[in-house]
Amino acid sequence: TPEAFRDYLYMNLSRGTGFIELYIKTEKLSYSDWDILADGLKWAQKVFPLFHNVRMHGGSPRDNEVYGYSAWNKTQGYLSFHNPSEKEQTYNVMLDRSLGLLPETDMVYHVSSPLGSVGSRVKASYRYGDMLSLTLKPGEITVLDFTNLASSFSSLGIWPMLAHSSIMCRAWTGSLPPYTSSALSLRILNSWLCSMAMTKLKVVSVSLI
């Protein structure tokens, strides 16, 4: 199924192999398969700076224990998870140095997923030292992206006041935009900044393209 192909692709990409070889039978791929493959490679390009820090976490796949891969730098990170067993499992992991996080206590990492909405399964944001708990269905694969929005806005040249605004953070954590591999466009960004100025920094929504 397209979902199984997508999950298999992202789990393998999360292993952090910088040289990605594709052994595929092109005539066997559907239009949706090509879209999934393109999105996966875009995600790999996005997180490529993290690949040299990748490490395995969790238990032993041979023992049907939840396992996955983790990679981080100062501004972003990701965690992949696979439950290889035939039963539901709840996996708990602390976001600390053992996963590769840097002990920057002021960093707030906001959560999204290239595989779709995470809903209420995890918190909207985490800090260094927080415990993440995730319940996985039998055979389930999922990937979580963690982004420090303050650093991201700063790199785009947005005023530090806005980058560190608690109002902005509440808006983002309350309703994160869908995952996208593209950057903020100047048009959307300018519209968003004007909206904030008109509402005295009370952000109603943020759009990505």
Protein backbone atom coordinates (compact mmCIF):
# COMPACT_ATOMS: atom_id res chain seq x y z
CA THR A 1 0.00 0.00 0.00
CA PRO A 2 1.14 3.65 -0.36
CA GLU A 3 1.16 3.99 3.44
CA ALA A 4 3.42 0.96 3.87
CA PHE A 5 5.79 2.23 1.16
CA ARG A 6 5.91 5.65 2.81
CA ASP A 7 6.61 4.26 6.27
CA TYR A 8 9.33 1.91 4.99
CA LEU A 9 10.97 4.74 3.04
CA TYR A 10 11.09 7.23 5.93
CA MET A 11 12.30 4.62 8.43
CA ASN A 12 15.19 3.75 6.14
CA LEU A 13 16.00 7.38 5.41
CA SER A 14 16.10 8.10 9.15
CA ARG A 15 19.06 5.74 9.50
CA GLY A 16 21.13 8.69 8.30
CA THR A 17 22.87 7.32 5.24
CA GLY A 18 24.03 10.39 3.35
CA PHE A 19 24.50 8.48 0.09
CA ILE A 20 21.01 7.35 -0.88
CA GLU A 21 20.79 4.66 -3.55
CA LEU A 22 17.43 3.86 -5.09
CA TYR A 23 16.89 0.37 -6.44
CA ILE A 24 13.42 0.62 -7.92
CA LYS A 25 11.42 -0.74 -10.81
CA THR A 26 10.04 2.45 -12.26
CA GLU A 27 7.20 0.70 -14.09
CA LYS A 28 5.92 -0.64 -10.77
CA LEU A 29 5.53 2.78 -9.13
CA SER A 30 2.18 4.55 -9.16
CA TYR A 31 1.73 8.32 -9.30
CA SER A 32 1.27 8.39 -5.53
CA ASP A 33 4.44 6.31 -5.07
CA TRP A 34 6.45 8.91 -6.99
CA ASP A 35 4.99 11.66 -4.81
CA ILE A 36 5.91 9.73 -1.67
CA LEU A 37 9.43 9.17 -2.95
CA ALA A 38 9.84 12.86 -3.80
CA ASP A 39 8.58 13.97 -0.38
CA GLY A 40 10.90 11.48 1.33
CA LEU A 41 13.96 12.74 -0.54
CA LYS A 42 13.00 16.34 0.26
CA TRP A 43 12.80 15.40 3.93
CA ALA A 44 16.21 13.71 3.71
CA GLN A 45 17.65 16.90 2.21
CA LYS A 46 16.11 18.95 5.02
CA VAL A 47 17.62 16.80 7.78
CA PHE A 48 20.87 15.98 5.94
CA PRO A 49 22.92 18.26 8.28
CA LEU A 50 21.91 15.92 11.12
CA PHE A 51 22.98 12.67 9.50
CA HIS A 52 26.54 12.74 10.86
CA ASN A 53 25.06 12.77 14.38
CA VAL A 54 22.62 9.88 13.92
CA ARG A 55 22.43 7.11 16.50
CA MET A 56 20.12 4.22 17.30
CA HIS A 57 17.83 4.34 20.33
CA GLY A 58 15.42 1.97 22.01
CA GLY A 59 15.57 -1.79 22.37
CA SER A 60 16.36 -4.78 20.18
CA PRO A 61 14.27 -5.42 17.05
CA ARG A 62 15.04 -9.13 17.42
CA ASP A 63 13.24 -9.06 20.76
CA ASN A 64 10.30 -7.13 19.27
CA GLU A 65 11.21 -4.02 21.27
CA VAL A 66 10.53 -0.50 20.04
CA TYR A 67 13.60 1.04 18.40
CA GLY A 68 14.48 3.87 16.07
CA TYR A 69 17.02 6.51 15.12
CA SER A 70 17.84 9.94 16.52
CA ALA A 71 19.83 12.88 15.19
CA TRP A 72 20.15 16.46 16.46
CA ASN A 73 21.98 19.75 16.25
CA LYS A 74 21.29 23.06 18.01
CA THR A 75 18.29 24.06 15.91
CA GLN A 76 16.57 20.84 14.90
CA GLY A 77 16.37 17.11 15.35
CA TYR A 78 14.31 14.05 14.57
CA LEU A 79 13.29 10.76 16.13
CA SER A 80 12.05 7.72 14.24
CA PHE A 81 10.21 4.83 15.90
CA HIS A 82 9.28 1.32 14.87
CA ASN A 83 7.22 -1.15 16.86
CA PRO A 84 8.15 -4.52 15.30
CA SER A 85 5.88 -6.55 17.57
CA GLU A 86 2.32 -7.74 17.06
CA LYS A 87 1.09 -5.91 20.13
CA GLU A 88 0.69 -2.26 21.07
CA GLN A 89 3.61 -0.83 23.01
CA THR A 90 4.20 2.43 24.87
CA TYR A 91 7.73 3.74 24.49
CA ASN A 92 9.25 6.29 26.88
CA VAL A 93 12.47 8.13 26.15
CA MET A 94 14.15 11.15 27.75
CA LEU A 95 15.30 13.91 25.44
CA ASP A 96 18.86 14.27 26.68
CA ARG A 97 22.47 13.83 25.66
CA SER A 98 22.05 10.08 25.15
CA LEU A 99 19.87 10.85 22.11
CA GLY A 100 22.29 13.47 20.83
CA LEU A 101 20.63 16.63 22.13
CA LEU A 102 22.86 19.47 23.20
CA PRO A 103 22.15 20.65 26.76
CA GLU A 104 20.79 24.07 25.75
CA THR A 105 18.19 24.51 28.48
CA ASP A 106 16.56 27.55 26.85
CA MET A 107 15.74 25.73 23.60
CA VAL A 108 12.09 24.89 22.91
CA TYR A 109 11.62 22.31 20.17
CA HIS A 110 8.26 22.25 18.40
CA VAL A 111 7.00 18.93 17.07
CA SER A 112 5.70 18.01 13.61
CA SER A 113 5.86 14.91 11.45
CA PRO A 114 6.59 14.31 7.76
CA LEU A 115 4.10 11.42 7.97
CA GLY A 116 1.12 13.57 8.91
CA SER A 117 -0.46 15.14 11.96
CA VAL A 118 0.72 13.91 15.35
CA GLY A 119 -2.48 15.14 16.98
CA SER A 120 -2.54 14.64 20.73
CA ARG A 121 -0.22 11.64 20.74
CA VAL A 122 2.70 13.77 21.91
CA LYS A 123 3.06 17.28 23.31
CA ALA A 124 3.30 20.21 20.94
CA SER A 125 6.77 21.17 22.23
CA TYR A 126 9.61 19.79 24.30
CA ARG A 127 12.74 20.96 26.07
CA TYR A 128 16.01 19.26 26.87
CA GLY A 129 15.44 16.77 29.69
CA ASP A 130 11.73 16.22 28.98
CA MET A 131 10.29 12.72 28.83
CA LEU A 132 8.55 11.76 25.59
CA SER A 133 5.95 9.01 25.73
CA LEU A 134 4.51 7.50 22.55
CA THR A 135 2.11 4.58 22.13
CA LEU A 136 2.70 2.63 18.92
CA LYS A 137 0.31 0.21 17.27
CA PRO A 138 1.56 -3.23 16.15
CA GLY A 139 4.07 -2.77 13.33
CA GLU A 140 3.69 1.02 13.39
CA ILE A 141 6.39 3.38 12.14
CA THR A 142 6.41 7.09 12.86
CA VAL A 143 8.86 9.98 12.56
CA LEU A 144 8.87 13.17 14.64
CA ASP A 145 10.64 16.38 13.60
CA PHE A 146 11.76 18.83 16.29
CA THR A 147 12.41 22.46 15.32
CA ASN A 148 13.57 25.37 17.43
CA LEU A 149 11.42 28.17 16.01
CA ALA A 150 13.40 30.99 17.63
CA SER A 151 16.56 29.93 15.78
CA SER A 152 14.64 29.43 12.55
CA PHE A 153 13.08 32.92 12.69
CA SER A 154 16.41 34.46 13.63
CA SER A 155 18.08 32.88 10.59
CA LEU A 156 15.37 34.46 8.42
CA GLY A 157 16.22 37.90 9.83
CA ILE A 158 13.04 38.35 11.83
CA TRP A 159 13.27 40.58 14.86
CA PRO A 160 14.46 38.73 17.99
CA MET A 161 11.46 40.16 19.82
CA LEU A 162 9.15 38.19 17.52
CA ALA A 163 11.32 35.10 17.45
CA HIS A 164 11.15 34.79 21.24
CA SER A 165 7.58 36.02 21.67
CA SER A 166 5.63 33.87 24.10
CA ILE A 167 2.48 34.82 22.19
CA MET A 168 4.02 33.54 18.98
CA CYS A 169 5.09 30.33 20.70
CA ARG A 170 1.62 29.72 22.09
CA ALA A 171 0.12 30.18 18.66
CA TRP A 172 2.54 27.73 17.10
CA THR A 173 2.23 25.09 19.81
CA GLY A 174 -1.52 25.37 19.85
CA SER A 175 -1.98 24.69 16.15
CA LEU A 176 1.13 23.76 14.22
CA PRO A 177 0.99 24.16 10.44
CA PRO A 178 1.17 20.98 8.35
CA TYR A 179 4.58 19.59 7.51
CA THR A 180 6.22 21.15 4.49
CA SER A 181 9.66 20.84 3.02
CA SER A 182 9.58 24.31 1.48
CA ALA A 183 10.69 27.52 3.16
CA LEU A 184 8.61 30.51 4.19
CA SER A 185 7.98 32.71 1.19
CA LEU A 186 8.55 36.46 1.51
CA ARG A 187 4.96 37.13 0.50
CA ILE A 188 3.49 34.87 3.17
CA LEU A 189 6.03 36.06 5.72
CA ASN A 190 5.26 39.74 5.09
CA SER A 191 1.52 39.03 5.33
CA TRP A 192 2.07 37.23 8.63
CA LEU A 193 4.19 40.06 10.06
CA CYS A 194 1.59 42.65 9.04
CA SER A 195 -1.11 40.54 10.69
CA MET A 196 0.89 40.43 13.90
CA ALA A 197 1.44 44.19 13.86
CA MET A 198 -2.27 44.86 13.28
CA THR A 199 -3.31 42.53 16.11
CA LYS A 200 -0.62 43.70 18.54
CA LEU A 201 1.36 40.47 18.20
CA LYS A 202 -1.69 38.28 18.76
CA VAL A 203 -1.07 35.71 16.04
CA VAL A 204 -4.16 34.11 14.62
CA SER A 205 -2.56 31.79 12.05
CA VAL A 206 0.69 31.10 10.25
CA SER A 207 0.75 29.82 6.69
CA LEU A 208 3.50 27.88 5.00
CA ILE A 209 3.80 26.99 1.33
